[in-house]
C-alpha atoms as a PDB file:
ATOM      1  CA  MET A   1       0.192   0.213   0.018  1.00  0.00           C
ATOM      2  CA  LYS A   2       1.963   3.194  -1.426  1.00  0.00           C
ATOM      3  CA  HIS A   3      -0.917   5.835  -0.077  1.00  0.00           C
ATOM      4  CA  LEU A   4      -4.468   5.637   1.789  1.00  0.00           C
ATOM      5  CA  LEU A   5      -6.676   8.330  -0.122  1.00  0.00           C
ATOM      6  CA  THR A   6      -9.992   6.867  -0.249  1.00  0.00           C
ATOM      7  CA  THR A   7     -12.411   3.956   0.482  1.00  0.00           C
ATOM      8  CA  GLN A   8     -14.189   4.361  -3.166  1.00  0.00           C
ATOM      9  CA  GLY A   9     -12.345   1.593  -5.332  1.00  0.00           C
ATOM     10  CA  MET A  10     -10.496  -0.202  -2.190  1.00  0.00           C
ATOM     11  CA  SER A  11     -10.828  -3.741  -3.057  1.00  0.00           C
ATOM     12  CA  LYS A  12     -12.565  -6.023  -0.418  1.00  0.00           C
ATOM     13  CA  ASP A  13      -9.379  -7.534   0.346  1.00  0.00           C
ATOM     14  CA  ASP A  14      -7.584  -4.155   1.138  1.00  0.00           C
ATOM     15  CA  ALA A  15     -10.646  -3.601   3.346  1.00  0.00           C
ATOM     16  CA  ILE A  16     -10.443  -6.765   5.460  1.00  0.00           C
ATOM     17  CA  LEU A  17      -6.480  -6.765   5.669  1.00  0.00           C
ATOM     18  CA  LEU A  18      -6.428  -3.343   7.215  1.00  0.00           C
ATOM     19  CA  LEU A  19      -9.482  -4.148  10.056  1.00  0.00           C
ATOM     20  CA  ASP A  20      -7.561  -7.685  10.612  1.00  0.00           C
ATOM     21  CA  THR A  21      -4.329  -5.449  11.329  1.00  0.00           C
ATOM     22  CA  SER A  22      -6.105  -3.079  13.231  1.00  0.00           C
ATOM     23  CA  ALA A  23      -7.392  -5.800  15.278  1.00  0.00           C
ATOM     24  CA  GLN A  24      -3.547  -7.035  16.082  1.00  0.00           C
ATOM     25  CA  MET A  25      -2.880  -3.720  16.831  1.00  0.00           C
ATOM     26  CA  ALA A  26      -5.717  -3.426  19.193  1.00  0.00           C
ATOM     27  CA  ALA A  27      -4.789  -6.266  20.885  1.00  0.00           C
ATOM     28  CA  THR A  28      -1.162  -4.961  21.759  1.00  0.00           C
ATOM     29  CA  GLN A  29      -2.652  -1.823  23.715  1.00  0.00           C
ATOM     30  CA  SER A  30      -4.390  -3.698  26.483  1.00  0.00           C
ATOM     31  CA  ARG A  31      -1.031  -4.392  28.001  1.00  0.00           C
ATOM     32  CA  GLU A  32       1.469  -2.000  30.241  1.00  0.00           C
ATOM     33  CA  ASN A  33       3.993  -1.752  27.325  1.00  0.00           C
ATOM     34  CA  LYS A  34       2.159  -0.179  24.200  1.00  0.00           C
ATOM     35  CA  LYS A  35       4.862   0.432  22.154  1.00  0.00           C
ATOM     36  CA  LEU A  36       5.735  -1.876  19.249  1.00  0.00           C
ATOM     37  CA  PRO A  37       9.373  -1.752  17.488  1.00  0.00           C
ATOM     38  CA  THR A  38       7.875  -1.300  14.015  1.00  0.00           C
ATOM     39  CA  LEU A  39       8.793   2.271  12.847  1.00  0.00           C
ATOM     40  CA  ARG A  40      11.880   3.135  14.850  1.00  0.00           C
ATOM     41  CA  GLY A  41      13.820   5.159  12.645  1.00  0.00           C
ATOM     42  CA  ARG A  42      10.893   6.230   9.897  1.00  0.00           C
ATOM     43  CA  THR A  43       9.655  10.090  10.540  1.00  0.00           C
ATOM     44  CA  VAL A  44       5.878  10.472  10.174  1.00  0.00           C
ATOM     45  CA  VAL A  45       4.042  14.013   9.770  1.00  0.00           C
ATOM     46  CA  ASN A  46       0.819  15.572  10.459  1.00  0.00           C
ATOM     47  CA  LEU A  47      -0.001  18.228   7.992  1.00  0.00           C
ATOM     48  CA  PHE A  48      -3.187  19.777   9.364  1.00  0.00           C
ATOM     49  CA  TYR A  49      -4.480  22.974   7.219  1.00  0.00           C
ATOM     50  CA  GLU A  50      -7.978  22.419   9.278  1.00  0.00           C
ATOM     51  CA  ASP A  51      -8.461  22.090  12.805  1.00  0.00           C
ATOM     52  CA  SER A  52      -8.344  19.240  14.699  1.00  0.00           C
ATOM     53  CA  THR A  53      -8.309  17.059  18.125  1.00  0.00           C
ATOM     54  CA  ARG A  54      -9.347  13.987  17.605  1.00  0.00           C
ATOM     55  CA  THR A  55      -7.452  12.707  14.357  1.00  0.00           C
ATOM     56  CA  ARG A  56      -4.884  14.395  14.601  1.00  0.00           C
ATOM     57  CA  ILE A  57      -4.257  13.341  18.352  1.00  0.00           C
ATOM     58  CA  SER A  58      -4.908   9.799  16.836  1.00  0.00           C
ATOM     59  CA  PHE A  59      -2.695   9.957  14.563  1.00  0.00           C
ATOM     60  CA  GLU A  60       0.259  11.067  16.310  1.00  0.00           C
ATOM     61  CA  THR A  61      -0.619   8.578  19.189  1.00  0.00           C
ATOM     62  CA  ALA A  62      -0.701   5.590  16.727  1.00  0.00           C
ATOM     63  CA  ALA A  63       2.692   6.768  15.307  1.00  0.00           C
ATOM     64  CA  LYS A  64       4.075   7.528  18.445  1.00  0.00           C
ATOM     65  CA  ARG A  65       3.090   3.300  19.319  1.00  0.00           C
ATOM     66  CA  LEU A  66       4.685   2.056  16.698  1.00  0.00           C
ATOM     67  CA  SER A  67       8.314   4.131  17.651  1.00  0.00           C
ATOM     68  CA  ALA A  68       8.011   6.789  14.680  1.00  0.00           C
ATOM     69  CA  ASP A  69       9.232   9.982  14.837  1.00  0.00           C
ATOM     70  CA  VAL A  70       6.568  12.776  14.734  1.00  0.00           C
ATOM     71  CA  ILE A  71       6.636  15.953  13.337  1.00  0.00           C
ATOM     72  CA  ASN A  72       2.931  18.296  14.004  1.00  0.00           C
ATOM     73  CA  PHE A  73       2.778  21.035  11.625  1.00  0.00           C
ATOM     74  CA  SER A  74      -0.414  23.502  11.502  1.00  0.00           C
ATOM     75  CA  ALA A  75      -1.174  25.954   8.994  1.00  0.00           C
ATOM     76  CA  LYS A  76      -1.657  28.401  12.049  1.00  0.00           C
ATOM     77  CA  GLY A  77       1.730  30.004  12.807  1.00  0.00           C
ATOM     78  CA  SER A  78       3.294  28.564  10.005  1.00  0.00           C
ATOM     79  CA  SER A  79       4.743  29.651   6.830  1.00  0.00           C
ATOM     80  CA  VAL A  80       1.495  29.074   5.112  1.00  0.00           C
ATOM     81  CA  SER A  81       0.074  32.285   6.884  1.00  0.00           C
ATOM     82  CA  LYS A  82       2.380  33.563   4.944  1.00  0.00           C
ATOM     83  CA  GLY A  83       1.481  32.588   1.391  1.00  0.00           C
ATOM     84  CA  GLU A  84       3.499  29.414   1.426  1.00  0.00           C
ATOM     85  CA  SER A  85       1.594  26.770  -1.013  1.00  0.00           C
ATOM     86  CA  LEU A  86       0.786  23.162  -0.594  1.00  0.00           C
ATOM     87  CA  LYS A  87       3.139  22.406  -2.899  1.00  0.00           C
ATOM     88  CA  ASP A  88       6.474  24.190  -1.549  1.00  0.00           C
ATOM     89  CA  THR A  89       5.253  22.971   1.796  1.00  0.00           C
ATOM     90  CA  ALA A  90       5.477  19.209   0.314  1.00  0.00           C
ATOM     91  CA  LEU A  91       9.225  19.883  -0.976  1.00  0.00           C
ATOM     92  CA  THR A  92       9.911  21.224   2.234  1.00  0.00           C
ATOM     93  CA  LEU A  93       9.028  18.017   4.170  1.00  0.00           C
ATOM     94  CA  HIS A  94      10.719  15.711   1.068  1.00  0.00           C
ATOM     95  CA  ALA A  95      13.781  17.832   1.950  1.00  0.00           C
ATOM     96  CA  MET A  96      13.735  16.924   5.400  1.00  0.00           C
ATOM     97  CA  GLY A  97      13.393  13.122   4.745  1.00  0.00           C
ATOM     98  CA  ALA A  98       9.394  12.602   5.661  1.00  0.00           C
ATOM     99  CA  ASP A  99       8.061   8.797   5.156  1.00  0.00           C
ATOM    100  CA  ALA A 100       4.605   9.715   5.684  1.00  0.00           C
ATOM    101  CA  VAL A 101       2.676  12.541   5.686  1.00  0.00           C
ATOM    102  CA  VAL A 102      -0.519  12.677   7.019  1.00  0.00           C
ATOM    103  CA  VAL A 103      -2.855  15.700   5.629  1.00  0.00           C
ATOM    104  CA  ARG A 104      -6.091  17.219   6.043  1.00  0.00           C
ATOM    105  CA  HIS A 105      -6.880  20.353   4.242  1.00  0.00           C
ATOM    106  CA  SER A 106     -10.197  21.978   3.534  1.00  0.00           C
ATOM    107  CA  ALA A 107     -10.065  21.511  -0.317  1.00  0.00           C
ATOM    108  CA  SER A 108     -11.469  18.151  -1.517  1.00  0.00           C
ATOM    109  CA  GLY A 109      -8.579  16.328  -3.831  1.00  0.00           C
ATOM    110  CA  ALA A 110      -5.659  17.857  -1.589  1.00  0.00           C
ATOM    111  CA  ALA A 111      -4.344  14.705  -0.601  1.00  0.00           C
ATOM    112  CA  HIS A 112      -4.584  12.916  -3.956  1.00  0.00           C
ATOM    113  CA  GLN A 113      -2.398  15.753  -5.442  1.00  0.00           C
ATOM    114  CA  LEU A 114      -0.224  15.723  -2.751  1.00  0.00           C
ATOM    115  CA  ALA A 115       0.096  12.286  -3.045  1.00  0.00           C
ATOM    116  CA  HIS A 116       0.305  11.991  -7.171  1.00  0.00           C
ATOM    117  CA  ALA A 117       2.089  15.805  -8.045  1.00  0.00           C
ATOM    118  CA  GLY A 118       5.303  14.492  -7.724  1.00  0.00           C
ATOM    119  CA  TRP A 119       6.269  16.919  -5.048  1.00  0.00           C
ATOM    120  CA  LEU A 120       7.708  14.413  -2.525  1.00  0.00           C
ATOM    121  CA  ASP A 121       8.526  10.789  -1.627  1.00  0.00           C
ATOM    122  CA  ALA A 122       6.125   9.601   0.988  1.00  0.00           C
ATOM    123  CA  GLY A 123       3.513   7.961   1.617  1.00  0.00           C
ATOM    124  CA  VAL A 124       0.053   9.694   2.092  1.00  0.00           C
ATOM    125  CA  LEU A 125      -2.915   9.133   4.551  1.00  0.00           C
ATOM    126  CA  ASN A 126      -5.938  11.576   3.655  1.00  0.00           C
ATOM    127  CA  ALA A 127      -7.279  12.601   7.183  1.00  0.00           C
ATOM    128  CA  GLY A 128      -9.745  14.271   5.704  1.00  0.00           C
ATOM    129  CA  ASP A 129     -10.062  16.345   2.521  1.00  0.00           C
ATOM    130  CA  GLY A 130     -13.204  18.568   2.474  1.00  0.00           C
ATOM    131  CA  MET A 131     -16.458  17.285   2.056  1.00  0.00           C
ATOM    132  CA  HIS A 132     -14.692  14.418   0.018  1.00  0.00           C
ATOM    133  CA  GLN A 133     -13.280  11.437   2.023  1.00  0.00           C
ATOM    134  CA  HIS A 134     -11.828  10.443   5.509  1.00  0.00           C
ATOM    135  CA  PRO A 135     -10.776   6.565   5.012  1.00  0.00           C
ATOM    136  CA  THR A 136      -9.774   6.096   8.179  1.00  0.00           C
ATOM    137  CA  GLN A 137     -13.083   7.481   9.567  1.00  0.00           C
ATOM    138  CA  ALA A 138     -14.594   4.663   7.750  1.00  0.00           C
ATOM    139  CA  LEU A 139     -12.219   2.095   8.631  1.00  0.00           C
ATOM    140  CA  LEU A 140     -12.566   2.709  11.971  1.00  0.00           C
ATOM    141  CA  ASP A 141     -16.499   2.893  12.101  1.00  0.00           C
ATOM    142  CA  ALA A 142     -16.228  -0.363   9.941  1.00  0.00           C
ATOM    143  CA  PHE A 143     -14.223  -1.772  12.476  1.00  0.00           C
ATOM    144  CA  THR A 144     -16.301  -0.924  15.199  1.00  0.00           C
ATOM    145  CA  ILE A 145     -19.636  -2.769  13.750  1.00  0.00           C
ATOM    146  CA  ARG A 146     -17.364  -5.616  13.006  1.00  0.00           C
ATOM    147  CA  ARG A 147     -16.323  -5.958  16.574  1.00  0.00           C
ATOM    148  CA  HIS A 148     -19.703  -5.849  18.187  1.00  0.00           C
ATOM    149  CA  LEU A 149     -21.647  -7.527  15.537  1.00  0.00           C
ATOM    150  CA  VAL A 150     -19.530 -10.122  14.196  1.00  0.00           C
ATOM    151  CA  GLY A 151     -17.262 -10.245  16.991  1.00  0.00           C
ATOM    152  CA  ASN A 152     -19.600 -10.621  19.883  1.00  0.00           C
ATOM    153  CA  VAL A 153     -17.300  -9.004  21.649  1.00  0.00           C
ATOM    154  CA  GLY A 154     -19.598  -8.111  24.578  1.00  0.00           C
ATOM    155  CA  ALA A 155     -21.044  -4.353  25.776  1.00  0.00           C
ATOM    156  CA  ASP A 156     -17.787  -2.897  27.137  1.00  0.00           C
ATOM    157  CA  GLY A 157     -15.535  -3.632  23.691  1.00  0.00           C
ATOM    158  CA  ARG A 158     -13.393  -5.818  25.618  1.00  0.00           C
ATOM    159  CA  GLY A 159     -13.826  -9.328  24.982  1.00  0.00           C
ATOM    160  CA  ALA A 160     -11.883 -11.453  22.515  1.00  0.00           C
ATOM    161  CA  ASP A 161     -12.379 -10.372  18.997  1.00  0.00           C
ATOM    162  CA  THR A 162     -13.579 -13.220  17.093  1.00  0.00           C
ATOM    163  CA  SER A 163     -14.223 -11.478  13.651  1.00  0.00           C
ATOM    164  CA  VAL A 164     -11.189 -11.257  12.514  1.00  0.00           C
ATOM    165  CA  GLY A 165     -11.104 -12.018   8.327  1.00  0.00           C
ATOM    166  CA  ALA A 166     -15.272 -11.393   8.538  1.00  0.00           C
ATOM    167  CA  ASP A 167     -16.821  -8.946   6.122  1.00  0.00           C
ATOM    168  CA  LEU A 168     -20.521  -7.098   6.877  1.00  0.00           C
ATOM    169  CA  ALA A 169     -22.424  -8.867   4.798  1.00  0.00           C
ATOM    170  CA  GLY A 170     -26.024  -8.701   5.950  1.00  0.00           C
ATOM    171  CA  LEU A 171     -25.873  -6.003   8.717  1.00  0.00           C
ATOM    172  CA  ARG A 172     -28.317  -2.810   7.949  1.00  0.00           C
ATOM    173  CA  ILE A 173     -26.447   0.369   8.941  1.00  0.00           C
ATOM    174  CA  ALA A 174     -28.502   3.416   8.741  1.00  0.00           C
ATOM    175  CA  ILE A 175     -26.294   7.117   8.455  1.00  0.00           C
ATOM    176  CA  VAL A 176     -28.501  10.222   9.789  1.00  0.00           C
ATOM    177  CA  GLY A 177     -27.702  13.683   9.580  1.00  0.00           C
ATOM    178  CA  ASP A 178     -25.809  16.263   7.594  1.00  0.00           C
ATOM    179  CA  VAL A 179     -24.559  14.067   4.295  1.00  0.00           C
ATOM    180  CA  LEU A 180     -24.303  16.981   2.053  1.00  0.00           C
ATOM    181  CA  HIS A 181     -21.268  18.416   4.109  1.00  0.00           C
ATOM    182  CA  SER A 182     -19.970  14.784   5.262  1.00  0.00           C
ATOM    183  CA  ARG A 183     -16.666  12.959   3.956  1.00  0.00           C
ATOM    184  CA  VAL A 184     -17.622  10.494   6.896  1.00  0.00           C
ATOM    185  CA  ALA A 185     -20.884   9.935   4.983  1.00  0.00           C
ATOM    186  CA  ARG A 186     -19.072   9.659   1.673  1.00  0.00           C
ATOM    187  CA  SER A 187     -16.338   7.406   3.058  1.00  0.00           C
ATOM    188  CA  ASN A 188     -18.780   4.875   4.637  1.00  0.00           C
ATOM    189  CA  VAL A 189     -20.657   4.570   2.283  1.00  0.00           C
ATOM    190  CA  TYR A 190     -18.464   2.874   0.406  1.00  0.00           C
ATOM    191  CA  LEU A 191     -16.383   1.123   2.468  1.00  0.00           C
ATOM    192  CA  LEU A 192     -19.442  -0.484   4.057  1.00  0.00           C
ATOM    193  CA  HIS A 193     -20.979  -1.229   0.414  1.00  0.00           C
ATOM    194  CA  THR A 194     -17.504  -2.607  -0.274  1.00  0.00           C
ATOM    195  CA  LEU A 195     -18.001  -4.908   3.117  1.00  0.00           C
ATOM    196  CA  GLY A 196     -21.339  -6.218   2.090  1.00  0.00           C
ATOM    197  CA  ALA A 197     -23.423  -3.828   4.690  1.00  0.00           C
ATOM    198  CA  GLU A 198     -26.642  -2.305   3.345  1.00  0.00           C
ATOM    199  CA  VAL A 199     -26.410   1.522   4.033  1.00  0.00           C
ATOM    200  CA  THR A 200     -29.528   3.928   4.203  1.00  0.00           C
ATOM    201  CA  LEU A 201     -28.719   7.308   4.023  1.00  0.00           C
ATOM    202  CA  ILE A 202     -31.503   9.470   6.207  1.00  0.00           C
ATOM    203  CA  ALA A 203     -31.611  13.417   5.972  1.00  0.00           C
ATOM    204  CA  PRO A 204     -33.729  15.608   4.940  1.00  0.00           C
ATOM    205  CA  PRO A 205     -33.666  16.727   1.468  1.00  0.00           C
ATOM    206  CA  THR A 206     -31.403  20.295   1.677  1.00  0.00           C
ATOM    207  CA  LEU A 207     -28.913  18.056   3.188  1.00  0.00           C
ATOM    208  CA  VAL A 208     -28.620  15.296   1.125  1.00  0.00           C
ATOM    209  CA  PRO A 209     -25.926  16.034  -2.370  1.00  0.00           C
ATOM    210  CA  VAL A 210     -26.672  16.052  -5.737  1.00  0.00           C
ATOM    211  CA  GLY A 211     -26.042  13.224  -7.580  1.00  0.00           C
ATOM    212  CA  VAL A 212     -26.663  10.645  -4.197  1.00  0.00           C
ATOM    213  CA  GLU A 213     -28.488   8.163  -6.825  1.00  0.00           C
ATOM    214  CA  MET A 214     -25.165   6.982  -8.077  1.00  0.00           C
ATOM    215  CA  TRP A 215     -23.854   6.151  -4.689  1.00  0.00           C
ATOM    216  CA  PRO A 216     -23.924   2.439  -3.409  1.00  0.00           C
ATOM    217  CA  CYS A 217     -27.050   3.175  -0.914  1.00  0.00           C
ATOM    218  CA  ARG A 218     -30.693   4.334   0.220  1.00  0.00           C
ATOM    219  CA  VAL A 219     -31.910   7.662   1.000  1.00  0.00           C
ATOM    220  CA  SER A 220     -34.650   8.101   3.150  1.00  0.00           C
ATOM    221  CA  TYR A 221     -35.948  11.120   4.230  1.00  0.00           C
ATOM    222  CA  HIS A 222     -38.057   9.948   6.925  1.00  0.00           C
ATOM    223  CA  LEU A 223     -35.721   8.853  10.454  1.00  0.00           C
ATOM    224  CA  ASP A 224     -38.798   7.363  12.520  1.00  0.00           C
ATOM    225  CA  GLU A 225     -40.304   5.455   9.280  1.00  0.00           C
ATOM    226  CA  THR A 226     -37.516   3.870   8.420  1.00  0.00           C
ATOM    227  CA  LEU A 227     -35.641   2.893  12.008  1.00  0.00           C
ATOM    228  CA  GLU A 228     -39.119   1.037  12.290  1.00  0.00           C
ATOM    229  CA  GLN A 229     -39.622  -0.250   9.441  1.00  0.00           C
ATOM    230  CA  TRP A 230     -35.965  -1.454   8.422  1.00  0.00           C
ATOM    231  CA  GLN A 231     -34.872  -2.273  12.223  1.00  0.00           C
ATOM    232  CA  PRO A 232     -31.215  -1.281  11.487  1.00  0.00           C
ATOM    233  CA  ASP A 233     -28.339  -3.182  13.638  1.00  0.00           C
ATOM    234  CA  ALA A 234     -26.478   0.309  13.715  1.00  0.00           C
ATOM    235  CA  VAL A 235     -26.880   3.583  13.249  1.00  0.00           C
ATOM    236  CA  MET A 236     -24.481   6.284  12.604  1.00  0.00           C
ATOM    237  CA  MET A 237     -25.542  10.098  13.511  1.00  0.00           C
ATOM    238  CA  LEU A 238     -23.669  12.804  11.431  1.00  0.00           C
ATOM    239  CA  ARG A 239     -22.954  16.151  13.114  1.00  0.00           C
ATOM    240  CA  VAL A 240     -24.389  18.813  11.713  1.00  0.00           C
ATOM    241  CA  GLN A 241     -21.635  20.862  10.729  1.00  0.00           C
ATOM    242  CA  ARG A 242     -22.385  24.566  10.697  1.00  0.00           C
ATOM    243  CA  GLU A 243     -19.245  26.140  10.270  1.00  0.00           C
ATOM    244  CA  ARG A 244     -19.186  24.717   6.003  1.00  0.00           C
ATOM    245  CA  MET A 245     -23.106  25.919   5.459  1.00  0.00           C
ATOM    246  CA  SER A 246     -22.872  29.196   3.227  1.00  0.00           C
ATOM    247  CA  GLY A 247     -25.634  31.296   4.545  1.00  0.00           C
ATOM    248  CA  GLY A 248     -25.478  29.651   7.983  1.00  0.00           C
ATOM    249  CA  SER A 249     -27.649  26.721   9.143  1.00  0.00           C
ATOM    250  CA  GLY A 250     -31.047  28.159   8.373  1.00  0.00           C
ATOM    251  CA  ALA A 251     -30.108  27.977   4.769  1.00  0.00           C
ATOM    252  CA  PHE A 252     -30.979  24.447   4.949  1.00  0.00           C
ATOM    253  CA  PHE A 253     -33.021  24.037   8.141  1.00  0.00           C
ATOM    254  CA  PRO A 254     -36.038  26.387   9.587  1.00  0.00           C
ATOM    255  CA  SER A 255     -34.345  25.976  13.043  1.00  0.00           C
ATOM    256  CA  PRO A 256     -32.440  23.702  14.973  1.00  0.00           C
ATOM    257  CA  MET A 257     -35.262  22.615  17.286  1.00  0.00           C
ATOM    258  CA  GLU A 258     -36.964  21.672  14.034  1.00  0.00           C
ATOM    259  CA  TYR A 259     -34.000  19.793  13.145  1.00  0.00           C
ATOM    260  CA  SER A 260     -33.555  18.073  16.342  1.00  0.00           C
ATOM    261  CA  ARG A 261     -37.317  17.080  16.375  1.00  0.00           C
ATOM    262  CA  LYS A 262     -37.002  15.191  13.050  1.00  0.00           C
ATOM    263  CA  PHE A 263     -33.449  14.038  12.443  1.00  0.00           C
ATOM    264  CA  GLY A 264     -32.166  13.914  16.428  1.00  0.00           C
ATOM    265  CA  PHE A 265     -31.444  10.373  17.567  1.00  0.00           C
ATOM    266  CA  ASP A 266     -32.181  10.491  21.678  1.00  0.00           C
ATOM    267  CA  GLY A 267     -33.872   7.384  24.130  1.00  0.00           C
ATOM    268  CA  ARG A 268     -37.427   7.090  22.497  1.00  0.00           C
ATOM    269  CA  ARG A 269     -36.141   6.431  18.919  1.00  0.00           C
ATOM    270  CA  LEU A 270     -33.643   4.168  20.577  1.00  0.00           C
ATOM    271  CA  ALA A 271     -35.948   2.383  21.939  1.00  0.00           C
ATOM    272  CA  VAL A 272     -37.292   1.295  18.340  1.00  0.00           C
ATOM    273  CA  LEU A 273     -33.876  -0.663  17.262  1.00  0.00           C
ATOM    274  CA  PRO A 274     -33.369  -4.323  18.112  1.00  0.00           C
ATOM    275  CA  ASP A 275     -31.830  -5.184  21.416  1.00  0.00           C
ATOM    276  CA  HIS A 276     -28.372  -5.696  19.501  1.00  0.00           C
ATOM    277  CA  ALA A 277     -28.066  -2.330  17.505  1.00  0.00           C
ATOM    278  CA  ILE A 278     -25.886  -0.026  18.524  1.00  0.00           C
ATOM    279  CA  VAL A 279     -24.906   4.042  18.642  1.00  0.00           C
ATOM    280  CA  MET A 280     -22.400   5.892  16.693  1.00  0.00           C
ATOM    281  CA  HIS A 281     -21.180   9.093  16.408  1.00  0.00           C
ATOM    282  CA  PRO A 282     -17.714  10.463  14.492  1.00  0.00           C
ATOM    283  CA  GLY A 283     -17.406  13.547  16.749  1.00  0.00           C
ATOM    284  CA  PRO A 284     -17.326  15.890  17.964  1.00  0.00           C
ATOM    285  CA  MET A 285     -21.016  15.819  19.392  1.00  0.00           C
ATOM    286  CA  ASN A 286     -23.641  18.510  19.136  1.00  0.00           C
ATOM    287  CA  ARG A 287     -25.400  17.580  22.643  1.00  0.00           C
ATOM    288  CA  GLY A 288     -29.004  18.602  22.127  1.00  0.00           C
ATOM    289  CA  LEU A 289     -29.093  18.942  17.878  1.00  0.00           C
ATOM    290  CA  GLU A 290     -28.289  15.521  16.247  1.00  0.00           C
ATOM    291  CA  ILE A 291     -28.029  13.743  19.243  1.00  0.00           C
ATOM    292  CA  SER A 292     -29.323  13.744  22.949  1.00  0.00           C
ATOM    293  CA  ALA A 293     -27.329  12.970  26.144  1.00  0.00           C
ATOM    294  CA  ASP A 294     -29.197   9.994  27.045  1.00  0.00           C
ATOM    295  CA  ALA A 295     -28.767   8.127  23.478  1.00  0.00           C
ATOM    296  CA  ALA A 296     -25.135   9.748  23.765  1.00  0.00           C
ATOM    297  CA  ASP A 297     -24.336   8.209  27.186  1.00  0.00           C
ATOM    298  CA  HIS A 298     -26.402   5.085  26.635  1.00  0.00           C
ATOM    299  CA  PRO A 299     -24.721   1.604  27.163  1.00  0.00           C
ATOM    300  CA  ARG A 300     -25.507   0.652  23.678  1.00  0.00           C
ATOM    301  CA  SER A 301     -23.470   3.500  22.790  1.00  0.00           C
ATOM    302  CA  VAL A 302     -20.270   2.983  21.269  1.00  0.00           C
ATOM    303  CA  ILE A 303     -18.771   6.569  20.700  1.00  0.00           C
ATOM    304  CA  VAL A 304     -16.224   6.395  23.296  1.00  0.00           C
ATOM    305  CA  GLU A 305     -14.793   3.022  22.033  1.00  0.00           C
ATOM    306  CA  GLN A 306     -14.877   4.718  18.142  1.00  0.00           C
ATOM    307  CA  VAL A 307     -12.120   6.949  19.605  1.00  0.00           C
ATOM    308  CA  ALA A 308     -10.081   4.186  21.131  1.00  0.00           C
ATOM    309  CA  ASN A 309     -10.589   2.005  17.795  1.00  0.00           C
ATOM    310  CA  GLY A 310      -8.910   4.662  16.195  1.00  0.00           C
ATOM    311  CA  VAL A 311      -5.576   4.863  17.343  1.00  0.00           C
ATOM    312  CA  ALA A 312      -5.492   0.728  16.379  1.00  0.00           C
ATOM    313  CA  VAL A 313      -6.849   1.228  12.804  1.00  0.00           C
ATOM    314  CA  ARG A 314      -4.354   4.273  12.242  1.00  0.00           C
ATOM    315  CA  MET A 315      -1.417   2.001  13.412  1.00  0.00           C
ATOM    316  CA  ALA A 316      -2.598  -0.635  11.033  1.00  0.00           C
ATOM    317  CA  ALA A 317      -2.547   1.874   8.309  1.00  0.00           C
ATOM    318  CA  LEU A 318       0.463   3.622   9.015  1.00  0.00           C
ATOM    319  CA  TYR A 319       2.373   0.061   9.622  1.00  0.00           C
ATOM    320  CA  LEU A 320       0.931  -1.281   6.039  1.00  0.00           C
ATOM    321  CA  LEU A 321       2.153   2.157   4.955  1.00  0.00           C
ATOM    322  CA  LEU A 322       5.256   2.234   5.649  1.00  0.00           C
ATOM    323  CA  SER A 323       6.466  -1.423   6.470  1.00  0.00           C
ATOM    324  CA  GLY A 324       4.228  -3.843   3.958  1.00  0.00           C
ATOM    325  CA  ASP A 325       6.377  -2.241   0.793  1.00  0.00           C
ATOM    326  CA  ASP A 326       9.948  -2.304   2.125  1.00  0.00           C
ATOM    327  CA  SER A 327      11.104  -5.563   2.204  1.00  0.00           C
ATOM    328  CA  ALA A 328      14.392  -4.474   3.695  1.00  0.00           C
ATOM    329  CA  SER A 329      12.605  -2.509   6.770  1.00  0.00           C
ATOM    330  CA  THR A 330      10.279  -5.692   7.389  1.00  0.00           C
ATOM    331  CA  GLU A 331      12.870  -8.488   7.426  1.00  0.00           C
ATOM    332  CA  LYS A 332      15.168  -5.880   9.823  1.00  0.00           C
ATOM    333  CA  THR A 333      12.060  -5.601  12.219  1.00  0.00           C
ATOM    334  CA  SER A 334      10.020  -8.750  11.945  1.00  0.00           C
ATOM    335  CA  THR A 335      11.436 -10.631  14.638  1.00  0.00           C
ATOM    336  CA  ASP A 336      11.194  -7.772  16.807  1.00  0.00           C
ATOM    337  CA  GLU A 337       7.288  -7.356  15.697  1.00  0.00           C
ATOM    338  CA  ARG A 338       6.654 -11.024  16.159  1.00  0.00           C
ATOM    339  CA  ASN A 339       7.320 -10.846  19.607  1.00  0.00           C
ATOM    340  CA  ALA A 340       5.410  -7.716  20.174  1.00  0.00           C
ATOM    341  CA  LEU A 341       2.371  -9.072  18.123  1.00  0.00           C
END
């Protein structure tokens, strides 16, 4: 694997390899010494042009758990604020010998350009580009779904994972909320479909993107009706991204109260779901808008576990990116890796 830019076009074998490798990484994180020697001597740069807490810290933690050297780059306070282009920043990172670049950018396609423009010789991981893709978020969501609904890990997510090698065939996943502005929704639709799950998007018509009929999923404009009749195995709530709404949220729905009444997830709607169903959210949450406090904190909510699984998934992505294609490095560390894993 040279780059991880999108879930669209990802093969089922590659997706399952990433999930299975994530399971191996997750197994190492419950012990006292969580660090592995796999990426010792490698340099990972977190190149973030947008504000981020969870994703940036998750990638930083993942790289450090694999013993990589980590450089955090934020557009604020850097030469970007002086007008430096993405190309010049990439050339600088190339000169400094970066082995992998984790990039988040407000422009859709920025990660692809960074990977294929020839500016640097490093693996590129897309940590979110505009409203386009966020592949590691989709992978951690699929990993969480598989552990709970296929692997029978138990309510606390700590049991033995028996889902290794499995896909998500037959599962029904509802993705609810601001689909229009969501790179998480786009990434999940393609990945979950590849893994065999059925996906339904639920949103007001104003928050459904043009061309959604080409996506491998169903679309519904009625949350209660879909939950009652379709009985999804997992409900994934999306954040209302008011910062991306030109003209403000009022241009997309009448009021926050109206949105919450029709498309917010609460204890009443949770009670309609099957007993095994789980509640998800990529974070950060707008409590009281797209999800109520009682639903977010319910025992069937796996939102906090998603954060923990994100570290394991990003460890797997970095491992496959930097170790899988370098036979010399793999041979050098294979004994240590086998002992560690």
